[in-house]
Protein backbone atom coordinates (compact mmCIF):
# COMPACT_ATOMS: atom_id res chain seq x y z
CA MET A 1 0.00 0.00 0.00
CA SER A 2 1.80 3.13 -1.20
CA ASN A 3 1.50 6.54 0.41
CA ALA A 4 0.48 7.93 -2.96
CA SER A 5 -2.78 5.97 -2.81
CA LEU A 6 -3.45 7.28 0.70
CA GLY A 7 -3.16 11.01 0.03
CA THR A 8 -0.72 13.84 -0.52
CA PRO A 9 2.20 14.39 1.90
CA ASP A 10 0.40 17.36 3.47
CA GLN A 11 -2.78 15.32 3.92
CA LEU A 12 -0.91 12.43 5.53
CA ARG A 13 0.56 14.80 8.16
CA ASP A 14 -2.87 16.20 9.01
CA PRO A 15 -4.57 14.47 12.01
CA ASN A 16 -7.98 15.52 10.66
CA TYR A 17 -7.51 13.90 7.25
CA THR A 18 -9.29 10.61 6.47
CA PRO A 19 -7.77 8.36 3.77
CA PRO A 20 -10.15 6.54 1.41
CA MET A 21 -12.13 3.98 3.42
CA ALA A 22 -10.66 1.07 1.45
CA GLN A 23 -7.30 2.01 2.99
CA ALA A 24 -8.51 3.55 6.26
CA VAL A 25 -10.24 0.38 7.52
CA PRO A 26 -7.25 -1.98 7.13
CA LEU A 27 -4.96 0.69 8.59
CA GLY A 28 -7.26 0.96 11.60
CA ILE A 29 -7.35 -2.82 12.06
CA GLN A 30 -3.55 -2.85 11.80
CA HIS A 31 -3.35 -0.57 14.84
CA VAL A 32 -5.54 -3.03 16.76
CA LEU A 33 -3.41 -6.01 15.72
CA ALA A 34 -0.23 -4.22 16.82
CA MET A 35 -1.54 -3.81 20.38
CA PHE A 36 -4.01 -6.67 20.77
CA ALA A 37 -1.83 -9.22 22.56
CA SER A 38 -0.39 -6.62 24.93
CA ASN A 39 -3.86 -5.25 25.68
CA VAL A 40 -5.53 -8.48 26.89
CA THR A 41 -2.47 -10.00 28.60
CA PRO A 42 -2.57 -7.92 31.84
CA ALA A 43 -6.14 -9.07 32.59
CA ILE A 44 -5.12 -12.71 32.22
CA ILE A 45 -2.05 -12.13 34.43
CA VAL A 46 -4.08 -10.43 37.17
CA ALA A 47 -6.65 -13.24 37.08
CA GLY A 48 -3.85 -15.78 37.32
CA ALA A 49 -2.25 -13.97 40.27
CA ALA A 50 -5.62 -13.82 42.03
CA GLY A 51 -6.05 -17.55 41.42
CA PHE A 52 -9.16 -17.69 39.26
CA GLY A 53 -10.17 -18.20 35.68
CA PHE A 54 -7.88 -20.95 34.45
CA GLY A 55 -9.45 -24.31 33.73
CA SER A 56 -12.79 -24.89 32.08
CA ASN A 57 -14.34 -26.21 35.28
CA SER A 58 -13.54 -23.13 37.35
CA PRO A 59 -16.76 -21.51 38.64
CA GLU A 60 -15.05 -18.13 38.33
CA PHE A 61 -14.01 -18.65 34.71
CA PRO A 62 -16.69 -16.19 33.43
CA ASN A 63 -14.97 -13.47 35.48
CA LEU A 64 -11.79 -13.93 33.42
CA ILE A 65 -13.85 -13.62 30.24
CA TYR A 66 -15.42 -10.46 31.64
CA MET A 67 -12.01 -8.91 32.42
CA ILE A 68 -10.82 -9.65 28.87
CA GLN A 69 -13.99 -8.02 27.56
CA MET A 70 -13.38 -4.90 29.62
CA SER A 71 -9.78 -4.73 28.42
CA MET A 72 -11.00 -4.49 24.83
CA LEU A 73 -14.03 -2.31 25.50
CA PHE A 74 -12.29 0.38 27.51
CA ALA A 75 -9.18 0.37 25.35
CA GLY A 76 -11.55 1.33 22.55
CA ILE A 77 -13.43 3.92 24.61
CA ALA A 78 -10.21 5.48 25.95
CA THR A 79 -8.86 5.62 22.39
CA LEU A 80 -11.97 7.56 21.34
CA PHE A 81 -11.25 10.00 24.18
CA GLN A 82 -7.87 10.62 22.54
CA THR A 83 -8.89 10.73 18.89
CA LEU A 84 -12.27 12.51 19.10
CA GLY A 85 -11.75 14.45 22.34
CA MET A 86 -14.20 16.18 24.66
CA GLY A 87 -13.35 19.75 25.67
CA PRO A 88 -9.85 19.68 27.21
CA VAL A 89 -9.82 15.87 27.21
CA GLY A 90 -7.91 14.17 24.41
CA ALA A 91 -4.92 15.08 22.27
CA ARG A 92 -6.99 14.68 19.08
CA LEU A 93 -4.12 12.70 17.65
CA PRO A 94 -3.82 9.06 16.46
CA ILE A 95 -3.10 7.73 19.96
CA VAL A 96 -4.07 4.12 20.71
CA GLN A 97 -4.91 3.42 24.34
CA GLY A 98 -4.66 0.02 26.00
CA THR A 99 -4.24 -1.82 29.30
CA SER A 100 -0.94 -0.87 30.91
CA PHE A 101 1.76 -3.39 31.90
CA ALA A 102 3.38 -0.76 34.13
CA PHE A 103 0.74 -1.18 36.85
CA LEU A 104 1.21 -4.96 37.16
CA PRO A 105 3.87 -4.79 39.94
CA VAL A 106 1.22 -3.03 42.06
CA MET A 107 -1.80 -5.03 40.90
CA ILE A 108 -0.32 -8.53 41.30
CA PRO A 109 0.41 -8.31 45.06
CA ALA A 110 -2.89 -6.46 45.58
CA VAL A 111 -4.90 -9.51 44.44
CA ALA A 112 -2.47 -12.39 45.03
CA GLY A 113 -4.30 -15.56 46.06
CA GLN A 114 -7.54 -13.75 46.94
CA GLY A 115 -9.69 -14.85 44.02
CA THR A 116 -12.31 -12.33 42.94
CA ALA A 117 -12.43 -11.02 46.53
CA GLY A 118 -9.28 -9.02 45.82
CA LEU A 119 -10.83 -7.22 42.86
CA SER A 120 -12.98 -4.83 44.91
CA GLY A 121 -9.93 -3.14 46.44
CA LEU A 122 -8.05 -3.22 43.14
CA MET A 123 -10.85 -1.63 41.10
CA THR A 124 -11.43 1.06 43.75
CA GLY A 125 -7.72 1.85 43.63
CA ILE A 126 -7.86 2.03 39.82
CA VAL A 127 -10.75 4.52 39.92
CA ILE A 128 -8.99 6.78 42.44
CA GLY A 129 -5.68 6.40 40.60
CA GLY A 130 -7.42 7.38 37.37
CA ILE A 131 -8.86 10.52 38.96
CA PHE A 132 -5.38 11.41 40.26
CA HIS A 133 -3.96 10.73 36.78
CA PHE A 134 -6.58 13.05 35.28
CA LEU A 135 -5.55 15.84 37.66
CA LEU A 136 -1.93 15.41 36.59
CA GLY A 137 -2.98 16.87 33.24
CA THR A 138 -3.05 20.29 34.89
CA VAL A 139 0.57 20.10 36.07
CA ILE A 140 2.29 17.57 33.80
CA GLY A 141 4.48 20.18 32.17
CA ARG A 142 5.83 21.42 35.49
CA ILE A 143 6.98 18.08 36.97
CA ARG A 144 9.03 16.79 34.04
CA PHE A 145 12.19 18.35 35.48
CA ALA A 146 12.17 15.75 38.28
CA LEU A 147 12.23 12.83 35.84
CA PRO A 148 15.42 12.86 33.74
CA PRO A 149 16.50 9.73 31.77
CA LEU A 150 18.34 8.43 34.86
CA VAL A 151 15.08 8.25 36.79
CA THR A 152 12.69 7.25 34.00
CA GLY A 153 15.12 4.67 32.61
CA LEU A 154 15.53 3.05 36.03
CA ILE A 155 11.76 3.02 36.57
CA VAL A 156 11.09 1.34 33.22
CA LEU A 157 13.91 -1.15 33.85
CA MET A 158 12.41 -2.01 37.24
CA ILE A 159 8.99 -2.57 35.66
CA GLY A 160 10.54 -5.09 33.30
CA LEU A 161 12.59 -6.80 36.01
CA ALA A 162 9.57 -7.04 38.32
CA LEU A 163 7.63 -8.91 35.63
CA LEU A 164 10.26 -11.34 34.29
CA LYS A 165 9.36 -13.95 36.92
CA VAL A 166 5.75 -13.93 35.72
CA GLY A 167 6.76 -14.79 32.16
CA ILE A 168 8.87 -17.77 33.22
CA GLN A 169 6.19 -19.08 35.58
CA TYR A 170 3.56 -18.91 32.86
CA ALA A 171 5.77 -20.54 30.21
CA ALA A 172 6.47 -23.42 32.63
CA GLY A 173 2.74 -24.02 33.20
CA GLY A 174 1.55 -21.27 35.53
CA VAL A 175 1.18 -20.89 39.28
CA PRO A 176 -1.54 -23.61 39.57
CA LEU A 177 1.00 -26.25 38.43
CA ILE A 178 3.84 -25.22 40.75
CA GLY A 179 4.79 -28.23 42.86
CA LYS A 180 3.30 -30.68 40.36
CA PRO A 181 5.22 -32.88 37.88
CA GLU A 182 3.70 -31.03 34.91
CA PHE A 183 5.31 -27.72 35.91
CA GLY A 184 8.33 -27.02 33.70
CA SER A 185 7.78 -30.15 31.60
CA LEU A 186 8.77 -30.25 27.94
CA ALA A 187 5.08 -30.31 27.01
CA MET A 188 4.69 -26.91 28.69
CA TRP A 189 7.84 -25.39 27.22
CA ILE A 190 7.42 -26.44 23.57
CA PRO A 191 4.48 -24.07 22.75
CA ALA A 192 6.13 -21.24 24.73
CA LEU A 193 9.40 -21.65 22.81
CA VAL A 194 7.49 -21.68 19.51
CA VAL A 195 5.95 -18.31 20.43
CA ILE A 196 9.38 -16.86 21.21
CA ALA A 197 11.01 -18.25 18.05
CA VAL A 198 8.26 -17.12 15.67
CA SER A 199 8.06 -13.67 17.29
CA LEU A 200 11.80 -13.14 16.89
CA LEU A 201 11.92 -14.43 13.31
CA LEU A 202 9.04 -12.22 12.17
CA SER A 203 10.33 -9.19 14.05
CA PHE A 204 13.78 -9.28 12.48
CA PHE A 205 13.30 -10.95 9.09
CA THR A 206 10.02 -9.44 7.86
CA LYS A 207 8.66 -5.95 7.31
CA GLY A 208 5.36 -4.11 7.60
CA LEU A 209 2.46 -5.63 9.50
CA TRP A 210 4.22 -9.02 9.78
CA SER A 211 6.97 -7.37 11.81
CA VAL A 212 4.74 -4.98 13.78
CA ALA A 213 2.36 -7.77 14.86
CA SER A 214 5.13 -10.34 15.39
CA VAL A 215 4.18 -11.13 19.01
CA LEU A 216 0.51 -11.63 18.10
CA LEU A 217 1.47 -13.90 15.21
CA GLY A 218 3.89 -15.75 17.49
CA LEU A 219 1.05 -16.36 19.94
CA ILE A 220 -1.10 -17.73 17.11
CA ALA A 221 1.71 -20.12 16.10
CA GLY A 222 2.16 -21.28 19.71
CA TYR A 223 -1.59 -21.67 20.04
CA ILE A 224 -1.71 -23.97 17.01
CA VAL A 225 1.09 -26.11 18.45
CA ALA A 226 -0.66 -26.24 21.85
CA TYR A 227 -3.90 -27.26 20.12
CA LEU A 228 -2.14 -30.09 18.31
CA MET A 229 -0.71 -31.19 21.69
CA GLY A 230 -4.21 -31.29 23.21
CA GLN A 231 -3.72 -28.28 25.50
CA VAL A 232 -6.59 -26.09 24.18
CA ASN A 233 -10.07 -26.41 25.68
CA PHE A 234 -13.11 -24.86 23.96
CA ALA A 235 -15.66 -25.95 26.58
CA ASN A 236 -16.51 -22.41 27.70
CA VAL A 237 -16.81 -20.83 24.25
CA GLY A 238 -20.18 -22.46 23.61
CA ARG A 239 -21.51 -21.30 26.98
CA ALA A 240 -20.47 -17.66 26.51
CA ALA A 241 -23.17 -15.15 25.56
CA MET A 242 -23.19 -13.27 22.26
CA PHE A 243 -23.68 -9.90 23.95
CA ALA A 244 -23.25 -8.55 27.46
CA PRO A 245 -23.03 -4.95 28.71
CA PRO A 246 -20.45 -3.82 31.29
CA VAL A 247 -21.56 -3.92 34.95
CA PRO A 248 -20.66 -0.97 37.23
CA PHE A 249 -18.92 -1.91 40.50
CA LYS A 250 -19.27 -5.60 39.66
CA TRP A 251 -17.01 -6.59 42.57
CA GLY A 252 -18.02 -3.86 45.02
CA ILE A 253 -16.01 -1.04 46.58
CA GLU A 254 -13.16 -1.42 49.07
CA PHE A 255 -10.59 1.19 50.07
CA ASN A 256 -7.12 -0.34 50.28
CA VAL A 257 -4.50 2.27 51.18
CA ALA A 258 -1.55 0.39 49.68
CA THR A 259 -3.34 -0.19 46.37
CA ILE A 260 -4.53 3.43 46.15
CA VAL A 261 -1.06 4.84 46.88
CA GLY A 262 0.52 2.43 44.42
CA MET A 263 -1.96 3.35 41.68
CA CYS A 264 -1.45 7.07 42.20
CA PHE A 265 2.31 6.66 42.07
CA MET A 266 2.12 4.61 38.88
CA ALA A 267 -0.18 7.25 37.38
CA VAL A 268 2.78 9.63 37.44
CA ILE A 269 4.92 7.09 35.57
CA SER A 270 2.15 6.45 33.05
CA ALA A 271 1.69 10.19 32.50
CA ILE A 272 5.38 10.62 31.71
CA GLU A 273 5.19 7.67 29.31
CA THR A 274 2.27 9.31 27.53
CA VAL A 275 4.20 12.56 27.16
CA GLY A 276 6.91 10.62 25.35
CA ASP A 277 4.39 8.83 23.13
CA VAL A 278 2.65 12.07 22.13
CA SER A 279 5.99 13.64 21.30
CA GLY A 280 6.94 10.56 19.27
CA ILE A 281 3.69 10.65 17.29
CA THR A 282 3.93 14.32 16.35
CA LYS A 283 7.63 14.01 15.53
CA GLY A 284 7.34 10.79 13.53
CA GLY A 285 4.03 11.51 11.81
CA ALA A 286 4.05 15.29 11.34
CA GLY A 287 7.69 16.33 11.81
CA ARG A 288 6.89 18.75 14.64
CA GLU A 289 6.98 18.99 18.44
CA ALA A 290 3.84 18.25 20.47
CA THR A 291 2.00 21.27 21.85
CA ASP A 292 1.30 21.77 25.55
CA LYS A 293 -2.41 21.47 24.80
CA GLU A 294 -1.90 18.07 23.12
CA ILE A 295 0.21 16.76 26.01
CA ALA A 296 -2.27 17.96 28.63
CA GLY A 297 -5.23 16.59 26.64
CA ALA A 298 -3.56 13.20 26.28
CA THR A 299 -2.94 13.05 30.04
CA PHE A 300 -6.56 13.99 30.79
CA ALA A 301 -7.73 11.18 28.46
CA ASP A 302 -5.36 8.68 30.12
CA GLY A 303 -6.82 9.42 33.56
CA LEU A 304 -10.45 9.54 32.47
CA GLY A 305 -10.10 6.27 30.56
CA THR A 306 -8.54 4.57 33.59
CA ALA A 307 -11.13 5.86 36.07
CA ILE A 308 -14.11 4.80 33.94
CA ALA A 309 -12.52 1.41 33.22
CA GLY A 310 -12.10 0.83 36.96
CA VAL A 311 -15.79 1.52 37.58
CA PHE A 312 -16.73 -1.31 35.22
CA GLY A 313 -14.00 -3.78 36.19
CA GLY A 314 -11.35 -2.79 33.67
CA LEU A 315 -7.64 -2.22 34.29
CA PRO A 316 -5.60 1.02 33.98
CA ASN A 317 -5.19 2.47 30.49
CA THR A 318 -2.24 4.23 28.92
CA SER A 319 -1.00 5.15 25.45
CA PHE A 320 0.58 2.24 23.58
CA SER A 321 4.13 2.92 22.42
CA GLN A 322 4.15 0.23 19.70
CA ASN A 323 1.57 2.23 17.78
CA VAL A 324 3.88 5.25 17.79
CA GLY A 325 6.32 3.25 15.70
CA LEU A 326 3.50 2.13 13.43
CA ILE A 327 2.61 5.75 12.61
CA SER A 328 6.25 6.53 11.82
CA MET A 329 6.34 3.47 9.55
CA THR A 330 3.11 4.15 7.62
CA GLY A 331 3.45 7.95 7.64
CA VAL A 332 -0.33 8.23 8.21
CA MET A 333 -1.14 10.77 10.93
CA SER A 334 -4.93 10.48 10.63
CA ARG A 335 -6.73 10.25 13.97
CA ASN A 336 -9.79 9.00 12.09
CA VAL A 337 -7.91 5.84 11.08
CA VAL A 338 -7.29 5.07 14.76
CA THR A 339 -10.94 5.87 15.51
CA ILE A 340 -11.93 3.01 13.18
CA GLY A 341 -9.68 0.68 15.18
CA ALA A 342 -11.27 1.92 18.42
CA VAL A 343 -14.76 1.08 17.17
CA PHE A 344 -13.58 -2.45 16.34
CA LEU A 345 -12.21 -2.86 19.90
CA ILE A 346 -15.51 -1.66 21.41
CA LEU A 347 -17.53 -4.16 19.38
CA CYS A 348 -15.22 -7.00 20.47
CA GLY A 349 -15.54 -5.87 24.09
CA LEU A 350 -19.31 -6.21 24.04
CA ILE A 351 -19.21 -9.82 22.82
CA PRO A 352 -18.37 -12.33 25.62
CA LYS A 353 -17.92 -15.13 23.10
CA PHE A 354 -14.94 -13.24 21.71
CA GLY A 355 -13.45 -13.00 25.20
CA ALA A 356 -14.08 -16.72 25.71
CA ILE A 357 -12.12 -17.49 22.53
CA VAL A 358 -9.21 -15.36 23.75
CA SER A 359 -9.32 -17.14 27.12
CA THR A 360 -8.71 -20.52 25.44
CA VAL A 361 -5.08 -19.50 24.93
CA PRO A 362 -3.13 -21.84 27.27
CA ILE A 363 -1.13 -20.15 30.00
CA ASN A 364 2.17 -21.54 28.71
CA VAL A 365 1.51 -20.04 25.25
CA LEU A 366 0.82 -16.71 26.90
CA GLY A 367 4.06 -17.16 28.86
CA GLY A 368 6.08 -17.29 25.65
CA GLY A 369 4.55 -13.98 24.58
CA VAL A 370 5.08 -12.18 27.87
CA ILE A 371 8.69 -13.33 28.09
CA VAL A 372 9.25 -11.37 24.88
CA MET A 373 7.12 -8.39 25.94
CA PHE A 374 8.50 -8.06 29.47
CA GLY A 375 12.04 -8.45 28.20
CA MET A 376 11.40 -5.61 25.77
CA VAL A 377 10.18 -3.43 28.65
CA ALA A 378 13.46 -4.01 30.50
CA ALA A 379 15.41 -3.39 27.27
CA ALA A 380 13.55 -0.11 26.76
CA GLY A 381 14.67 0.99 30.22
CA ILE A 382 18.29 0.16 29.40
CA ASN A 383 17.96 2.11 26.15
CA MET A 384 16.74 5.16 28.09
CA LEU A 385 19.67 4.82 30.48
CA SER A 386 22.07 4.96 27.53
CA ASP A 387 21.46 8.72 27.42
CA VAL A 388 22.77 9.12 30.99
CA VAL A 389 26.22 10.55 31.69
CA TRP A 390 27.59 8.02 34.17
CA SER A 391 29.24 10.30 36.71
CA ARG A 392 29.90 9.06 40.24
CA ARG A 393 26.75 10.89 41.34
CA ASN A 394 24.53 9.11 38.83
CA MET A 395 26.13 5.74 39.51
CA VAL A 396 25.45 6.14 43.24
CA ILE A 397 21.80 7.06 42.57
CA PHE A 398 21.36 4.09 40.26
CA ALA A 399 23.19 1.65 42.55
CA ILE A 400 21.30 2.50 45.74
CA SER A 401 17.89 2.67 44.05
CA LEU A 402 18.36 -0.61 42.17
CA SER A 403 19.84 -2.44 45.16
CA VAL A 404 17.04 -1.50 47.54
CA GLY A 405 14.20 -1.88 45.04
CA PHE A 406 15.28 -5.13 43.42
CA GLY A 407 16.58 -6.52 46.71
CA LEU A 408 13.23 -6.09 48.47
CA GLN A 409 11.50 -7.73 45.54
CA LEU A 410 13.83 -10.75 45.77
CA VAL A 411 13.59 -11.04 49.57
CA PRO A 412 10.06 -9.92 50.55
CA GLU A 413 10.49 -11.70 53.90
CA ALA A 414 12.77 -8.84 54.94
CA LEU A 415 9.61 -6.80 55.54
CA GLN A 416 7.58 -9.46 57.34
CA HIS A 417 7.35 -7.33 60.51
CA THR A 418 5.76 -4.37 58.67
CA SER A 419 2.07 -3.88 57.96
CA LYS A 420 0.46 -5.50 54.92
CA PRO A 421 0.05 -2.21 53.00
CA ILE A 422 3.75 -1.42 53.47
CA GLN A 423 4.69 -4.90 52.25
CA ILE A 424 2.58 -4.57 49.11
CA LEU A 425 4.07 -1.17 48.27
CA LEU A 426 7.72 -1.97 48.97
CA THR A 427 8.07 -5.58 47.83
CA SER A 428 6.96 -4.62 44.31
CA GLY A 429 10.47 -3.19 44.05
CA LEU A 430 9.24 -0.45 41.77
CA LEU A 431 8.04 2.03 44.38
CA PRO A 432 11.20 2.10 46.56
CA ALA A 433 13.49 2.21 43.50
CA ALA A 434 11.56 5.05 41.88
CA THR A 435 11.14 7.04 45.11
CA LEU A 436 14.82 6.77 46.02
CA SER A 437 15.98 7.73 42.52
CA ILE A 438 13.69 10.79 42.40
CA ILE A 439 14.68 12.02 45.87
CA LEU A 440 18.41 11.40 45.41
CA ASN A 441 18.36 13.08 42.01
CA LEU A 442 16.79 16.18 43.55
CA VAL A 443 18.99 16.44 46.66
CA LEU A 444 22.47 15.30 45.57
CA PRO A 445 24.62 18.09 44.11
CA GLN A 446 24.95 18.06 40.34
CA ASP A 447 28.68 18.80 40.43
CA LEU A 448 29.50 15.58 42.35
CA ASP A 449 32.20 13.83 40.27
């Protein structure tokens, strides 16, 4: 598909331009394919950490389907906030929203082993965190000074490191199999390794959509192998409804201080990530810098999308960085193209049968995908740190923050005499590492050799 068939160079740089529908529709679907696997994965991980949803005989299996639905539905709705806008809300740019991996280090311990009972406190924290995120839109430009590459790079690296264990556990068979002979068996690892191999091959040896959607296509390949090995169960697909609306406060309301604080802290990280994505979109698609109004609008949309998602049982939303690269690749800056993709996501989110099909993906297949995705998160953090001048000052900040944050994550028993909220906040590793790096960066003298 050549750019000539899409429009003139000036039209392609215009967010308000709509290419011919014959091109606009597949371009919109391409944006969905680029983010689809990453968008539904956090819901499956949270359900797995809580201990429900896996296995066709689980009485709570429909709740996993519901969470997958909400991931698609509110990714689409939050994307419309960005592309169409409402007053100050929305950048009115081709920004694709989706469920954020960054919040997982806070969400996993918040629900660990509690089943659906842990979701009331989590969803309440998401709503309050979303409101806090929305308010950040009024000050986002004034707090960027406190987050240089040293701090943001370390934070992103810690997000990746905190999640690596999850990928390995899933690839080996998931938490339910730990302690059983099946855990880590060759039968578990073969589909996961297929996902990794196909994802890498497509990413590096193909171009266009094949490369952009390499993880999704890798998951499909692993799924086929798992099906041939008898690991796929379709029992719940037939029982799933064709249509179901979202339910407000499905799991009730519960105020958990640790979860709320963690969500508000991660909202700051997510807001900074969105600033970078907006800047990348305007630079790559239009060859200009993002305006303050666009950055503020994008942050407002992030927060509003997260808060509304939390009300209906969805997870936090953020801008998806992989779609920034897609815009740079296609050269199409049209927000209306992304709007088409958002409508597709909303339709999928209202159909439980679609969520049931997604939920048939075996946990080990998913593990192969998240090993790739979480590794890329850590690699992105290292890439950001490459811009740092490694003076003694910066090395001390990095060393202390990483040692304390990662150390507490590896040895959570070190905090066994503290309260449960403190344990949840500190053993994620992310919060202590980020807090220390921000404080040390602000108080240590810049001229320290």
